[in-house]
């Protein structure tokens, strides 16, 4: 899921994209929001 091109490794470019998503995305489905693990369902529903 985090490995965008499926080669089994995170490139610098992939990691940079994920890191940006983690910090600026409001979309819980964005792969970058999985960097620190799954978001608890309660946290998503509470807003």
N, C-alpha and C. Protein backbone atom coordinates (compact mmCIF):
# COMPACT_ATOMS: atom_id res chain seq x y z
N UNK A 1 0.82 -1.19 0.00
CA UNK A 1 0.00 0.00 0.00
C UNK A 1 0.87 1.27 0.00
N UNK A 2 1.94 1.27 0.77
CA UNK A 2 2.80 2.45 0.79
C UNK A 2 3.79 2.46 -0.37
N UNK A 3 4.13 1.28 -0.88
CA UNK A 3 5.07 1.14 -1.99
C UNK A 3 4.32 1.38 -3.30
N UNK A 4 4.34 2.61 -3.77
CA UNK A 4 3.52 3.03 -4.91
C UNK A 4 3.79 2.21 -6.17
N UNK A 5 5.07 1.94 -6.48
CA UNK A 5 5.36 1.22 -7.72
C UNK A 5 5.48 -0.29 -7.53
N UNK A 6 5.32 -0.78 -6.30
CA UNK A 6 5.28 -2.21 -6.04
C UNK A 6 6.61 -2.94 -6.17
N UNK A 7 7.73 -2.21 -6.05
CA UNK A 7 9.03 -2.87 -6.20
C UNK A 7 9.57 -3.45 -4.89
N UNK A 8 8.82 -3.31 -3.81
CA UNK A 8 9.24 -3.86 -2.52
C UNK A 8 10.08 -2.90 -1.69
N UNK A 9 10.31 -1.69 -2.18
CA UNK A 9 11.11 -0.70 -1.47
C UNK A 9 10.47 0.68 -1.63
N UNK A 10 10.72 1.54 -0.65
CA UNK A 10 10.28 2.93 -0.76
C UNK A 10 11.44 3.76 -1.27
N UNK A 11 11.25 4.38 -2.43
CA UNK A 11 12.27 5.28 -2.96
C UNK A 11 12.18 6.60 -2.19
N UNK A 12 13.17 7.44 -2.38
CA UNK A 12 13.13 8.77 -1.75
C UNK A 12 11.90 9.54 -2.22
N UNK A 13 11.58 9.41 -3.50
CA UNK A 13 10.43 10.12 -4.06
C UNK A 13 9.13 9.61 -3.45
N UNK A 14 9.00 8.29 -3.32
CA UNK A 14 7.80 7.71 -2.71
C UNK A 14 7.67 8.15 -1.26
N UNK A 15 8.79 8.09 -0.52
CA UNK A 15 8.76 8.50 0.88
C UNK A 15 8.38 9.97 1.02
N UNK A 16 8.94 10.82 0.17
CA UNK A 16 8.62 12.25 0.22
C UNK A 16 7.14 12.49 -0.05
N UNK A 17 6.58 11.78 -1.02
CA UNK A 17 5.15 11.91 -1.31
C UNK A 17 4.31 11.47 -0.11
N UNK A 18 4.66 10.34 0.48
CA UNK A 18 3.92 9.83 1.64
C UNK A 18 4.02 10.79 2.82
N UNK A 19 5.20 11.34 3.04
CA UNK A 19 5.40 12.26 4.15
C UNK A 19 4.56 13.52 3.97
N UNK A 20 4.52 14.05 2.73
CA UNK A 20 3.66 15.22 2.46
C UNK A 20 2.20 14.88 2.72
N UNK A 21 1.75 13.71 2.26
CA UNK A 21 0.37 13.30 2.49
C UNK A 21 0.08 13.20 3.98
N UNK A 22 1.01 12.65 4.73
CA UNK A 22 0.82 12.49 6.18
C UNK A 22 0.58 13.83 6.85
N UNK A 23 1.35 14.83 6.46
CA UNK A 23 1.24 16.13 7.14
C UNK A 23 0.16 17.05 6.60
N UNK A 24 -0.20 16.97 5.33
CA UNK A 24 -1.13 17.97 4.79
C UNK A 24 -2.47 17.42 4.30
N UNK A 25 -2.63 16.10 4.22
CA UNK A 25 -3.86 15.55 3.68
C UNK A 25 -4.93 15.40 4.76
N UNK A 26 -6.15 15.75 4.40
CA UNK A 26 -7.30 15.52 5.27
C UNK A 26 -8.03 14.23 4.92
N UNK A 27 -7.53 13.53 3.90
CA UNK A 27 -8.18 12.31 3.42
C UNK A 27 -7.57 11.09 4.11
N UNK A 28 -8.30 10.41 4.99
CA UNK A 28 -7.76 9.25 5.70
C UNK A 28 -7.41 8.09 4.77
N UNK A 29 -7.90 8.10 3.53
CA UNK A 29 -7.61 7.01 2.59
C UNK A 29 -6.27 7.21 1.88
N UNK A 30 -5.66 8.39 1.97
CA UNK A 30 -4.36 8.64 1.32
C UNK A 30 -3.32 7.73 1.95
N UNK A 31 -2.48 7.08 1.15
CA UNK A 31 -1.47 6.17 1.67
C UNK A 31 -0.55 6.79 2.71
N UNK A 32 -0.23 8.06 2.58
CA UNK A 32 0.66 8.71 3.54
C UNK A 32 0.11 8.75 4.94
N UNK A 33 -1.19 8.68 5.07
CA UNK A 33 -1.80 8.69 6.40
C UNK A 33 -1.69 7.35 7.11
N UNK A 34 -1.04 6.39 6.47
CA UNK A 34 -0.80 5.07 7.08
C UNK A 34 0.64 4.93 7.56
N UNK A 35 1.47 5.99 7.45
CA UNK A 35 2.87 5.91 7.84
C UNK A 35 3.04 5.48 9.30
N UNK A 36 2.18 5.93 10.16
CA UNK A 36 2.29 5.61 11.60
C UNK A 36 1.27 4.57 12.02
N UNK A 37 0.69 3.89 11.07
CA UNK A 37 -0.29 2.85 11.38
C UNK A 37 -1.70 3.27 11.03
N UNK A 38 -2.61 2.37 11.32
CA UNK A 38 -4.01 2.57 10.99
C UNK A 38 -4.64 3.64 11.88
N UNK A 39 -5.53 4.43 11.30
CA UNK A 39 -6.27 5.44 12.05
C UNK A 39 -7.46 4.75 12.70
N UNK A 40 -7.61 4.85 14.03
CA UNK A 40 -8.76 4.23 14.69
C UNK A 40 -10.07 4.78 14.13
N UNK A 41 -11.05 3.91 13.92
CA UNK A 41 -12.33 4.32 13.35
C UNK A 41 -12.99 5.40 14.18
N UNK A 42 -12.88 5.34 15.50
CA UNK A 42 -13.49 6.34 16.36
C UNK A 42 -12.89 7.73 16.11
N UNK A 43 -11.59 7.80 15.91
CA UNK A 43 -10.93 9.09 15.66
C UNK A 43 -11.43 9.71 14.36
N UNK A 44 -11.68 8.89 13.35
CA UNK A 44 -12.18 9.37 12.07
C UNK A 44 -13.60 9.87 12.22
N UNK A 45 -14.45 9.14 12.92
CA UNK A 45 -15.85 9.51 13.04
C UNK A 45 -16.06 10.71 13.97
N UNK A 46 -15.14 10.93 14.93
CA UNK A 46 -15.24 12.06 15.84
C UNK A 46 -14.88 13.38 15.19
N UNK A 47 -14.14 13.29 14.06
CA UNK A 47 -13.76 14.50 13.33
C UNK A 47 -12.54 15.07 13.87
